């Protein structure tokens, strides 16, 4: 079951979570171009948002025995003022079998979508290079309302 981490737990284990986030951000082919200036600057921003007692806009989640780490962010549109939950980053920290993987995706979806609804979000948005999500969207009842779009990033070197 996906669990939202309280700030105290994030603070106590930040060094471990930080390494998982680096892995998640750099796992995509070409993704390192987004972090080529070094990871410390953007990780400091994430940590500051996770620890901010005045706004809970960024969240760190773990699944199972911390087999997965997921980072989410509440985002408000400046034009419509509608709120969405952005699934900012996700990574598997341990290998699991295919059945466990599928089960955890569904459990995570239920937890995160409930959190989004409880926070008055009109939707959830995520980035992924995995065709797995597109296939799930076609075959599962849980994800029948998912609109599949591709986002392209063209690095200019």
Protein backbone atom coordinates (compact mmCIF):
# COMPACT_ATOMS: atom_id res chain seq x y z
CA UNK A 1 0.00 0.00 0.00
CA UNK A 2 1.32 3.42 -0.95
CA UNK A 3 1.93 5.58 2.13
CA UNK A 4 2.40 9.31 2.33
CA UNK A 5 5.51 10.08 4.37
CA UNK A 6 5.32 12.68 7.12
CA UNK A 7 8.01 15.39 7.04
CA UNK A 8 9.79 13.87 10.06
CA UNK A 9 10.30 10.54 8.24
CA UNK A 10 11.51 12.36 5.11
CA UNK A 11 13.97 14.34 7.20
CA UNK A 12 15.27 11.22 8.99
CA UNK A 13 15.87 9.31 5.74
CA UNK A 14 16.50 12.10 3.25
CA UNK A 15 19.88 10.79 2.11
CA UNK A 16 18.29 7.48 1.04
CA UNK A 17 15.27 9.10 -0.62
CA UNK A 18 17.51 11.62 -2.34
CA UNK A 19 19.46 8.82 -4.06
CA UNK A 20 16.22 7.23 -5.28
CA UNK A 21 15.01 10.56 -6.67
CA UNK A 22 18.29 11.04 -8.53
CA UNK A 23 17.82 7.58 -10.05
CA UNK A 24 14.25 8.42 -11.07
CA UNK A 25 15.18 11.74 -12.67
CA UNK A 26 18.11 10.31 -14.59
CA UNK A 27 16.59 6.96 -15.61
CA UNK A 28 15.15 8.32 -18.83
CA UNK A 29 17.44 8.27 -21.82
CA UNK A 30 18.62 11.85 -22.20
CA UNK A 31 17.13 12.75 -18.83
CA UNK A 32 20.49 13.71 -17.43
CA UNK A 33 20.38 16.84 -19.59
CA UNK A 34 17.72 18.14 -17.21
CA UNK A 35 20.05 17.66 -14.24
CA UNK A 36 23.44 18.23 -15.84
CA UNK A 37 24.18 21.21 -13.59
CA UNK A 38 24.20 18.79 -10.67
CA UNK A 39 21.44 17.33 -8.60
CA UNK A 40 22.01 19.26 -5.38
CA UNK A 41 20.24 22.42 -6.51
CA UNK A 42 16.98 20.82 -7.59
CA UNK A 43 17.06 18.36 -4.68
CA UNK A 44 17.38 21.26 -2.24
CA UNK A 45 14.24 22.77 -3.77
CA UNK A 46 12.36 19.49 -3.43
CA UNK A 47 13.53 19.01 0.16
CA UNK A 48 12.52 22.58 1.07
CA UNK A 49 9.02 22.00 -0.32
CA UNK A 50 8.68 18.67 1.47
CA UNK A 51 9.68 20.30 4.78
CA UNK A 52 7.66 23.52 4.42
CA UNK A 53 5.19 23.62 7.34
CA UNK A 54 3.08 26.35 5.69
CA UNK A 55 2.23 24.54 2.47
CA UNK A 56 1.94 20.86 1.75
CA UNK A 57 2.25 21.16 -2.01
CA UNK A 58 4.91 18.45 -2.47
CA UNK A 59 4.65 14.90 -1.16
CA UNK A 60 6.89 11.86 -0.91
CA UNK A 61 5.28 8.43 -0.90
CA UNK A 62 6.65 4.91 -0.43
CA UNK A 63 5.21 1.55 -1.42
CA UNK A 64 5.67 -1.78 0.33
CA UNK A 65 8.92 -1.97 2.24
CA UNK A 66 10.00 1.16 0.40
CA UNK A 67 10.18 -0.82 -2.85
CA UNK A 68 8.97 2.31 -4.67
CA UNK A 69 9.42 6.02 -4.08
CA UNK A 70 6.91 8.45 -5.62
CA UNK A 71 7.06 12.25 -5.61
CA UNK A 72 3.89 14.26 -6.20
CA UNK A 73 3.12 17.95 -6.38
CA UNK A 74 -0.16 19.89 -6.14
CA UNK A 75 -0.27 22.36 -9.00
CA UNK A 76 -2.71 25.24 -9.42
CA UNK A 77 -3.38 26.63 -12.89
CA UNK A 78 -2.77 30.37 -12.87
CA UNK A 79 -5.60 30.96 -15.36
CA UNK A 80 -8.41 28.70 -14.14
CA UNK A 81 -7.25 28.21 -10.53
CA UNK A 82 -8.06 24.53 -10.93
CA UNK A 83 -5.80 22.17 -9.06
CA UNK A 84 -4.17 19.01 -10.43
CA UNK A 85 -1.85 16.50 -8.86
CA UNK A 86 1.36 16.02 -10.81
CA UNK A 87 3.04 12.65 -10.37
CA UNK A 88 6.45 14.18 -10.63
CA UNK A 89 8.75 11.20 -10.24
CA UNK A 90 8.56 7.52 -9.45
CA UNK A 91 11.15 4.81 -9.19
CA UNK A 92 11.38 1.20 -8.12
CA UNK A 93 14.07 0.68 -5.50
CA UNK A 94 13.99 -3.13 -5.58
CA UNK A 95 13.15 -5.71 -8.22
CA UNK A 96 9.78 -7.38 -7.83
CA UNK A 97 7.95 -9.97 -9.90
CA UNK A 98 5.50 -8.91 -12.62
CA UNK A 99 2.39 -9.80 -10.59
CA UNK A 100 3.58 -7.73 -7.62
CA UNK A 101 4.44 -4.88 -9.97
CA UNK A 102 0.92 -4.83 -11.44
CA UNK A 103 -0.72 -5.06 -8.03
CA UNK A 104 1.36 -2.17 -6.70
CA UNK A 105 0.52 0.05 -9.68
CA UNK A 106 -3.20 -0.44 -9.03
CA UNK A 107 -2.84 0.12 -5.29
CA UNK A 108 -0.75 3.24 -5.89
CA UNK A 109 -3.30 4.56 -8.36
CA UNK A 110 -6.11 4.14 -5.82
CA UNK A 111 -4.13 5.86 -3.03
CA UNK A 112 -2.91 8.76 -5.14
CA UNK A 113 -6.24 9.36 -6.89
CA UNK A 114 -8.05 9.40 -3.52
CA UNK A 115 -5.48 11.88 -2.21
CA UNK A 116 -6.01 14.03 -5.32
CA UNK A 117 -9.79 13.97 -4.89
CA UNK A 118 -9.48 14.78 -1.18
CA UNK A 119 -7.41 17.82 -2.19
CA UNK A 120 -9.99 19.04 -4.73
CA UNK A 121 -7.92 18.17 -7.78
CA UNK A 122 -9.65 18.03 -11.14
CA UNK A 123 -7.16 15.50 -12.43
CA UNK A 124 -3.74 13.96 -12.23
CA UNK A 125 -0.89 14.45 -14.63
CA UNK A 126 2.22 12.37 -15.02
CA UNK A 127 5.19 11.91 -17.28
CA UNK A 128 6.34 8.44 -18.19
CA UNK A 129 8.35 6.78 -20.89
CA UNK A 130 6.80 3.42 -20.07
CA UNK A 131 4.49 1.88 -22.65
CA UNK A 132 3.20 -0.18 -19.72
CA UNK A 133 0.89 2.67 -18.65
CA UNK A 134 -0.59 3.04 -22.13
CA UNK A 135 -1.30 -0.70 -22.24
CA UNK A 136 -2.95 -0.60 -18.81
CA UNK A 137 -5.12 2.29 -19.90
CA UNK A 138 -6.45 0.18 -22.79
CA UNK A 139 -7.15 -2.96 -20.80
CA UNK A 140 -8.23 -2.04 -17.28
CA UNK A 141 -11.49 -0.78 -15.90
CA UNK A 142 -9.68 1.38 -13.32
CA UNK A 143 -7.97 3.44 -16.01
CA UNK A 144 -10.70 3.70 -18.66
CA UNK A 145 -10.90 7.48 -18.31
CA UNK A 146 -7.17 7.97 -18.90
CA UNK A 147 -6.35 10.11 -21.90
CA UNK A 148 -3.01 9.00 -23.31
CA UNK A 149 -0.81 11.77 -24.62
CA UNK A 150 2.86 11.87 -25.36
CA UNK A 151 5.16 14.61 -24.26
CA UNK A 152 8.24 15.24 -26.30
CA UNK A 153 11.38 16.92 -25.17
CA UNK A 154 13.96 18.02 -27.71
CA UNK A 155 17.23 18.94 -26.01
CA UNK A 156 19.21 21.61 -27.82
CA UNK A 157 22.92 21.02 -27.49
